[in-house]
């Protein structure tokens, strides 16, 4: 399918795209091998081909051509007749994201082969983020001969619109400057979650605005109108002093009766953690809380969205990522960080012994979580470890097995032993040399 890109001039020029759209704005073709004027630049994606008009201007000293429409140039480039330089392909985002776009500088002359460049969209672009690229152009005949042997048509390099890559003045690489934008919708559940969050924030802001005046009245205006209110603090002073005095006694009782109080302490800790979590969520939901947490959340979101897993999770780019793939983004990969995480995993798994019987119910929820985390960290060295982890966590009285630490030992144990053995060998050789030197010294002393 071959078509001409629609004319420029406002958002109305873009065809309807209910699911996804790829927009390529062609800036220029640099260092072409011939001084012939190209007829157009075309883009082929998913069997659909769209093309620009001829270039609007030519570089004075080099075989370089600018593509821009008359609306963008304001009629200043009058050397050549220019058409639209915006190429648009509409398709389902799930099909566009893994596709490869072929951009072709067309000459329409058998004596001058076309120049082609290919760009794998999921590697070069992020959904709904504009990206400037320099595509290395290759002769069509060379690209056909090398097809299937790697990057025959050149790679996409993310650069600014004014930058250029070249091997030198004597052997300039033809390049095509383009601006690409791959746009598409959020996943339905992500969109619903975003709308729900926005409604929640609006509700919290409304309550805060309505309750702010009431709170101010209680804390400032009421004590001024009723001075006797401050005398209510008088009973609080002896109560606070008594609490401080009895604190060591309470601590001693708790230490002596620790086996009896431990289940109650665990329940109290869980309750306190729940209250703290609810309070934290409420604070983050307020306008001041969002302002303070926004930099951290924005940084984490950008880092997550920069990964292909993040793109698949947020946008409808194809199958949803697995829990294992999501865990691999969060969990560490270096040796010491993994060791700390493994200790925490095994500690949480064994903490059910704090509440015998009741804690085993916690294992039912923790077992799949631990299995996913261990699979994300150690599937490449021990694919069967996740099954052992799930079985030991789901069965009663088997939580003592440190599944995560076993995986860490499997991955890093040989490395540590190898390095230790090498150091022992080096130390042995050094000691042997010192012993021989000492023996020679003692022999010299005896002869003297």
Foldseek 3Di string as FASTA:
>chain_A
DEEEQFFDDDPVSADDAQFKKKKKFFFKKFQDVDLAWFQWKWKAKPNYIYIWGTFQAADDPGSMTGADDCVVVVVPRHPDHHTHRMHMDHDHLLRRQQIKMKMWRHHPDPVAAIWIFIEGRNVQDFAQDKFKWKFFTDGPVQLVVCPPVPRSGGYIDTDDQVDDDAPDPVGGTIIIIMMMHMYGDWDPVLVVVVVVLVVLLVVLAVVCVVCVVVVCCVPPVVCVVPVCVVVVCVVVVVVVVVCVVCVVVVVVVCVVCVLVCLVVVVVVVVVVVVVVVVVLVSQCSYPVNVVVCVVVVVVVLVLLSVDSLSSQCTHVNDDHDDLLVVLLSVQDQDQPSLVVVLVVLLCLLPCLVSPPPVSLVVLVVSLVVSLSNLCSHQCVQPVCLSVVSSVQSNDPPSSNDSSSVVSSCRVCVVVVVVVVVVVVVVVVVVVVVVVVVVVVVVVVVVVD
